[in-house]
Each structure stands twice: as structure tokens, then as C-alpha cells.
Amino acid sequence: MAETTARRVAEYILFTAHERSIEMTNLKLQKLLYYCQAWYLAFLGKPLFGERIEAWIHGPVVPPVFGSFKEHRWNVIPFHGPEPEIEDGDPGRAIKDHIRDVLNA
């Protein structure tokens, strides 16, 4: 069973990138989702999110997340808002730390 959804991971990546003044495009976001999933599987032996990752010509893509941000095309995705939740009713601190570790690497 997956810990959260790819959309929630993507929103937290965007939030963290905004905090750090890192420009985030849709393709960059997709690659980071791939690394978050891969590292979670490698370290904990279970998926971080349940959505399928597909191999597209420019790299890995989670289709529903890609579709959510496709209007930005090759441009930076803006983020405005509070820190997103990772899990319902739980701050998901371990998952947020994992995402930050991936972004640090």
C-alpha cells in the first residue's frame, strides 16, 4: 500500500522548491517524483505513491501529475499557498524529510 499520492508529493516538491528559490518546470518535477519513488522503494521496500510512472521520450512521467501542470509547458510552475499536507490528518513528517533528502541530493 502506498504512503501518499503522487499529487501530494508533487505539491510538497513545489512548496520546497519555492522556499529555496529553485525554479521548477513540469519535466524537472517529473524526474524528482521518479527519484522520490525510487529512493523510497530502495530504502523502505514499499512505494511512496501508487500512481504509475511511465517512460516518456524526455524522461519519467506520472501522467496525472503531468496533466495537472501541462499548461505551464516548459515554463516555471508557480507555487502560492501554505505548506501542503502529505497525509490526511497527519503531517507526514517522515515523508517530508524523505522528499527534502531527495531534493538535497
N, C-alpha and C. Protein backbone atom coordinates (compact mmCIF):
# COMPACT_ATOMS: atom_id res chain seq x y z
N MET A 1 0.84 -1.18 0.00
CA MET A 1 0.00 0.00 0.00
C MET A 1 0.88 1.25 0.00
N ALA A 2 0.56 2.19 -0.84
CA ALA A 2 1.34 3.42 -0.95
C ALA A 2 1.09 4.33 0.25
N GLU A 3 2.09 5.13 0.57
CA GLU A 3 2.02 6.04 1.72
C GLU A 3 1.18 7.28 1.45
N THR A 4 1.20 7.77 0.20
CA THR A 4 0.50 9.01 -0.14
C THR A 4 0.22 8.99 -1.64
N THR A 5 -0.08 10.15 -2.21
CA THR A 5 -0.34 10.22 -3.65
C THR A 5 0.78 11.01 -4.34
N ALA A 6 0.94 10.76 -5.63
CA ALA A 6 1.95 11.48 -6.40
C ALA A 6 1.64 12.98 -6.42
N ARG A 7 0.39 13.34 -6.47
CA ARG A 7 0.00 14.75 -6.47
C ARG A 7 0.44 15.45 -5.20
N ARG A 8 0.26 14.80 -4.07
CA ARG A 8 0.68 15.40 -2.79
C ARG A 8 2.20 15.54 -2.72
N VAL A 9 2.91 14.54 -3.22
CA VAL A 9 4.38 14.62 -3.27
C VAL A 9 4.79 15.78 -4.17
N ALA A 10 4.15 15.89 -5.33
CA ALA A 10 4.45 16.98 -6.27
C ALA A 10 4.21 18.34 -5.63
N GLU A 11 3.12 18.49 -4.92
CA GLU A 11 2.82 19.76 -4.27
C GLU A 11 3.87 20.10 -3.21
N TYR A 12 4.34 19.08 -2.50
CA TYR A 12 5.37 19.34 -1.50
C TYR A 12 6.71 19.67 -2.15
N ILE A 13 7.01 19.03 -3.27
CA ILE A 13 8.23 19.38 -4.02
C ILE A 13 8.14 20.84 -4.47
N LEU A 14 7.01 21.24 -5.00
CA LEU A 14 6.83 22.64 -5.44
C LEU A 14 6.96 23.61 -4.27
N PHE A 15 6.37 23.26 -3.14
CA PHE A 15 6.46 24.10 -1.94
C PHE A 15 7.92 24.26 -1.52
N THR A 16 8.65 23.16 -1.45
CA THR A 16 10.04 23.19 -1.02
C THR A 16 10.92 23.94 -2.02
N ALA A 17 10.67 23.73 -3.31
CA ALA A 17 11.42 24.46 -4.34
C ALA A 17 11.17 25.96 -4.21
N HIS A 18 9.93 26.34 -3.96
CA HIS A 18 9.59 27.76 -3.79
C HIS A 18 10.32 28.33 -2.57
N GLU A 19 10.35 27.60 -1.47
CA GLU A 19 11.06 28.03 -0.26
C GLU A 19 12.53 28.29 -0.54
N ARG A 20 13.12 27.47 -1.40
CA ARG A 20 14.56 27.53 -1.70
C ARG A 20 14.87 28.35 -2.95
N SER A 21 13.87 28.98 -3.52
CA SER A 21 14.03 29.77 -4.75
C SER A 21 14.61 28.94 -5.89
N ILE A 22 14.14 27.71 -6.00
CA ILE A 22 14.53 26.81 -7.09
C ILE A 22 13.43 26.83 -8.14
N GLU A 23 13.79 27.09 -9.38
CA GLU A 23 12.80 27.08 -10.45
C GLU A 23 12.43 25.64 -10.78
N MET A 24 11.13 25.39 -10.91
CA MET A 24 10.65 24.03 -11.13
C MET A 24 9.76 23.99 -12.37
N THR A 25 10.18 23.24 -13.38
CA THR A 25 9.35 23.01 -14.56
C THR A 25 8.64 21.66 -14.39
N ASN A 26 7.71 21.37 -15.26
CA ASN A 26 6.97 20.12 -15.18
C ASN A 26 7.90 18.93 -15.38
N LEU A 27 8.82 19.00 -16.34
CA LEU A 27 9.71 17.86 -16.56
C LEU A 27 10.67 17.64 -15.39
N LYS A 28 11.14 18.73 -14.80
CA LYS A 28 12.01 18.61 -13.63
C LYS A 28 11.23 17.99 -12.47
N LEU A 29 9.99 18.42 -12.31
CA LEU A 29 9.12 17.87 -11.27
C LEU A 29 8.93 16.37 -11.48
N GLN A 30 8.71 15.95 -12.71
CA GLN A 30 8.51 14.53 -13.01
C GLN A 30 9.74 13.70 -12.64
N LYS A 31 10.90 14.21 -12.94
CA LYS A 31 12.14 13.50 -12.60
C LYS A 31 12.31 13.38 -11.09
N LEU A 32 11.96 14.44 -10.37
CA LEU A 32 12.05 14.39 -8.91
C LEU A 32 11.03 13.44 -8.31
N LEU A 33 9.85 13.35 -8.89
CA LEU A 33 8.87 12.35 -8.44
C LEU A 33 9.45 10.95 -8.60
N TYR A 34 10.10 10.72 -9.74
CA TYR A 34 10.72 9.42 -10.01
C TYR A 34 11.77 9.10 -8.94
N TYR A 35 12.63 10.06 -8.64
CA TYR A 35 13.67 9.82 -7.63
C TYR A 35 13.07 9.62 -6.24
N CYS A 36 12.05 10.38 -5.90
CA CYS A 36 11.39 10.18 -4.60
C CYS A 36 10.83 8.77 -4.48
N GLN A 37 10.18 8.31 -5.55
CA GLN A 37 9.61 6.95 -5.55
C GLN A 37 10.72 5.89 -5.47
N ALA A 38 11.76 6.06 -6.30
CA ALA A 38 12.84 5.08 -6.36
C ALA A 38 13.58 4.97 -5.03
N TRP A 39 13.90 6.09 -4.43
CA TRP A 39 14.61 6.06 -3.15
C TRP A 39 13.74 5.47 -2.05
N TYR A 40 12.47 5.77 -2.06
CA TYR A 40 11.56 5.22 -1.05
C TYR A 40 11.48 3.70 -1.19
N LEU A 41 11.37 3.24 -2.42
CA LEU A 41 11.35 1.79 -2.67
C LEU A 41 12.65 1.14 -2.23
N ALA A 42 13.77 1.78 -2.55
CA ALA A 42 15.08 1.22 -2.21
C ALA A 42 15.31 1.17 -0.69
N PHE A 43 14.95 2.23 0.00
CA PHE A 43 15.24 2.32 1.43
C PHE A 43 14.20 1.62 2.31
N LEU A 44 12.93 1.68 1.92
CA LEU A 44 11.87 1.15 2.78
C LEU A 44 11.15 -0.07 2.20
N GLY A 45 11.41 -0.38 0.94
CA GLY A 45 10.81 -1.58 0.34
C GLY A 45 9.33 -1.48 0.04
N LYS A 46 8.80 -0.25 -0.01
CA LYS A 46 7.39 -0.07 -0.35
C LYS A 46 7.26 1.23 -1.14
N PRO A 47 6.19 1.35 -1.93
CA PRO A 47 6.04 2.56 -2.75
C PRO A 47 5.62 3.78 -1.93
N LEU A 48 6.13 4.92 -2.34
CA LEU A 48 5.73 6.19 -1.73
C LEU A 48 4.34 6.58 -2.21
N PHE A 49 4.09 6.39 -3.50
CA PHE A 49 2.78 6.68 -4.08
C PHE A 49 2.39 5.57 -5.03
N GLY A 50 1.10 5.43 -5.29
CA GLY A 50 0.60 4.31 -6.07
C GLY A 50 0.49 4.54 -7.57
N GLU A 51 0.57 5.79 -8.01
CA GLU A 51 0.43 6.07 -9.43
C GLU A 51 1.60 5.50 -10.23
N ARG A 52 1.29 5.14 -11.45
CA ARG A 52 2.27 4.53 -12.34
C ARG A 52 3.21 5.59 -12.92
N ILE A 53 4.48 5.24 -13.03
CA ILE A 53 5.47 6.09 -13.69
C ILE A 53 5.72 5.49 -15.07
N GLU A 54 5.60 6.33 -16.09
CA GLU A 54 5.81 5.87 -17.46
C GLU A 54 7.12 6.44 -18.02
N ALA A 55 7.73 5.70 -18.94
CA ALA A 55 8.93 6.16 -19.62
C ALA A 55 8.52 6.93 -20.87
N TRP A 56 8.70 8.24 -20.84
CA TRP A 56 8.40 9.10 -21.99
C TRP A 56 9.71 9.53 -22.63
N ILE A 57 9.64 10.13 -23.77
CA ILE A 57 10.84 10.48 -24.53
C ILE A 57 11.80 11.39 -23.76
N HIS A 58 11.27 12.29 -22.92
CA HIS A 58 12.12 13.22 -22.17
C HIS A 58 12.36 12.78 -20.73
N GLY A 59 11.96 11.55 -20.39
CA GLY A 59 12.20 11.04 -19.05
C GLY A 59 10.95 10.48 -18.41
N PRO A 60 11.06 10.12 -17.14
CA PRO A 60 9.93 9.52 -16.43
C PRO A 60 8.81 10.52 -16.20
N VAL A 61 7.57 10.02 -16.27
CA VAL A 61 6.39 10.88 -16.09
C VAL A 61 5.30 10.13 -15.34
N VAL A 62 4.69 10.81 -14.38
CA VAL A 62 3.46 10.35 -13.73
C VAL A 62 2.33 11.07 -14.46
N PRO A 63 1.65 10.39 -15.40
CA PRO A 63 0.69 11.07 -16.28
C PRO A 63 -0.33 11.99 -15.61
N PRO A 64 -1.00 11.58 -14.51
CA PRO A 64 -1.98 12.51 -13.94
C PRO A 64 -1.35 13.79 -13.39
N VAL A 65 -0.15 13.69 -12.85
CA VAL A 65 0.53 14.88 -12.33
C VAL A 65 1.00 15.75 -13.50
N PHE A 66 1.57 15.11 -14.52
CA PHE A 66 1.99 15.86 -15.69
C PHE A 66 0.82 16.65 -16.28
N GLY A 67 -0.32 15.99 -16.38
CA GLY A 67 -1.51 16.65 -16.92
C GLY A 67 -1.96 17.83 -16.08
N SER A 68 -1.77 17.76 -14.78
CA SER A 68 -2.16 18.86 -13.90
C SER A 68 -1.37 20.14 -14.14
N PHE A 69 -0.15 19.98 -14.65
CA PHE A 69 0.73 21.13 -14.83
C PHE A 69 1.10 21.39 -16.27
N LYS A 70 0.44 20.71 -17.21
CA LYS A 70 0.83 20.82 -18.62
C LYS A 70 0.63 22.22 -19.20
N GLU A 71 -0.26 23.01 -18.62
CA GLU A 71 -0.47 24.36 -19.15
C GLU A 71 0.77 25.24 -18.99
N HIS A 72 1.69 24.86 -18.12
CA HIS A 72 2.92 25.63 -17.92
C HIS A 72 3.98 25.31 -18.98
N ARG A 73 3.73 24.24 -19.72
CA ARG A 73 4.64 23.81 -20.79
C ARG A 73 6.07 23.75 -20.27
N TRP A 74 7.00 24.49 -20.83
CA TRP A 74 8.42 24.47 -20.42
C TRP A 74 8.73 25.54 -19.39
N ASN A 75 7.71 26.26 -18.95
CA ASN A 75 7.91 27.38 -18.02
C ASN A 75 7.92 26.91 -16.58
N VAL A 76 8.38 27.79 -15.72
CA VAL A 76 8.41 27.51 -14.28
C VAL A 76 6.99 27.43 -13.74
N ILE A 77 6.75 26.45 -12.88
CA ILE A 77 5.45 26.27 -12.23
C ILE A 77 5.43 27.15 -10.98
N PRO A 78 4.50 28.09 -10.90
CA PRO A 78 4.43 28.92 -9.70
C PRO A 78 3.81 28.15 -8.54
N PHE A 79 4.19 28.52 -7.33
CA PHE A 79 3.56 27.93 -6.15
C PHE A 79 3.17 29.05 -5.21
N HIS A 80 1.92 29.05 -4.79
CA HIS A 80 1.41 30.02 -3.82
C HIS A 80 0.55 29.25 -2.84
N GLY A 81 0.83 29.41 -1.59
CA GLY A 81 -0.01 28.76 -0.60
C GLY A 81 0.79 28.25 0.58
N PRO A 82 0.07 27.69 1.54
CA PRO A 82 0.71 27.15 2.74
C PRO A 82 1.38 25.80 2.46
N GLU A 83 2.11 25.33 3.44
CA GLU A 83 2.76 24.02 3.33
C GLU A 83 1.69 22.95 3.15
N PRO A 84 1.78 22.16 2.07
CA PRO A 84 0.76 21.13 1.83
C PRO A 84 0.89 19.94 2.77
N GLU A 85 -0.24 19.29 3.02
CA GLU A 85 -0.24 18.06 3.81
C GLU A 85 0.13 16.89 2.92
N ILE A 86 0.82 15.93 3.48
CA ILE A 86 1.20 14.72 2.76
C ILE A 86 0.17 13.62 2.98
N GLU A 87 -0.33 13.54 4.20
CA GLU A 87 -1.32 12.52 4.55
C GLU A 87 -2.51 13.20 5.22
N ASP A 88 -3.71 12.65 5.06
CA ASP A 88 -4.89 13.20 5.72
C ASP A 88 -4.75 13.09 7.24
N GLY A 89 -4.90 14.20 7.91
CA GLY A 89 -4.89 14.19 9.37
C GLY A 89 -3.54 13.93 10.00
N ASP A 90 -2.49 13.90 9.22
CA ASP A 90 -1.16 13.63 9.75
C ASP A 90 -0.16 14.48 8.98
N PRO A 91 0.77 15.13 9.64
CA PRO A 91 1.70 15.99 8.93
C PRO A 91 2.68 15.23 8.03
N GLY A 92 2.81 13.91 8.19
CA GLY A 92 3.69 13.14 7.31
C GLY A 92 5.14 13.58 7.38
N ARG A 93 5.63 13.89 8.57
CA ARG A 93 6.98 14.43 8.73
C ARG A 93 8.05 13.53 8.12
N ALA A 94 7.95 12.22 8.29
CA ALA A 94 8.97 11.31 7.74
C ALA A 94 8.99 11.38 6.21
N ILE A 95 7.81 11.49 5.61
CA ILE A 95 7.74 11.57 4.15
C ILE A 95 8.30 12.91 3.68
N LYS A 96 7.97 13.99 4.37
CA LYS A 96 8.50 15.30 4.01
C LYS A 96 10.02 15.32 4.14
N ASP A 97 10.55 14.68 5.18
CA ASP A 97 12.01 14.59 5.32
C ASP A 97 12.62 13.82 4.17
N HIS A 98 11.95 12.75 3.75
CA HIS A 98 12.43 11.95 2.63
C HIS A 98 12.48 12.81 1.36
N ILE A 99 11.43 13.56 1.10
CA ILE A 99 11.38 14.41 -0.10
C ILE A 99 12.50 15.46 -0.04
N ARG A 100 12.69 16.05 1.11
CA ARG A 100 13.77 17.04 1.26
C ARG A 100 15.14 16.40 1.05
N ASP A 101 15.34 15.17 1.52
CA ASP A 101 16.60 14.47 1.29
C ASP A 101 16.87 14.27 -0.20
N VAL A 102 15.83 13.90 -0.93
CA VAL A 102 15.97 13.72 -2.38
C VAL A 102 16.33 15.06 -3.03
N LEU A 103 15.66 16.13 -2.64
CA LEU A 103 15.95 17.44 -3.22
C LEU A 103 17.36 17.91 -2.84
N ASN A 104 17.82 17.59 -1.65
CA ASN A 104 19.17 17.96 -1.24
C ASN A 104 20.23 17.25 -2.09
N ALA A 105 19.93 16.02 -2.45
CA ALA A 105 20.89 15.24 -3.26
C ALA A 105 20.92 15.78 -4.67
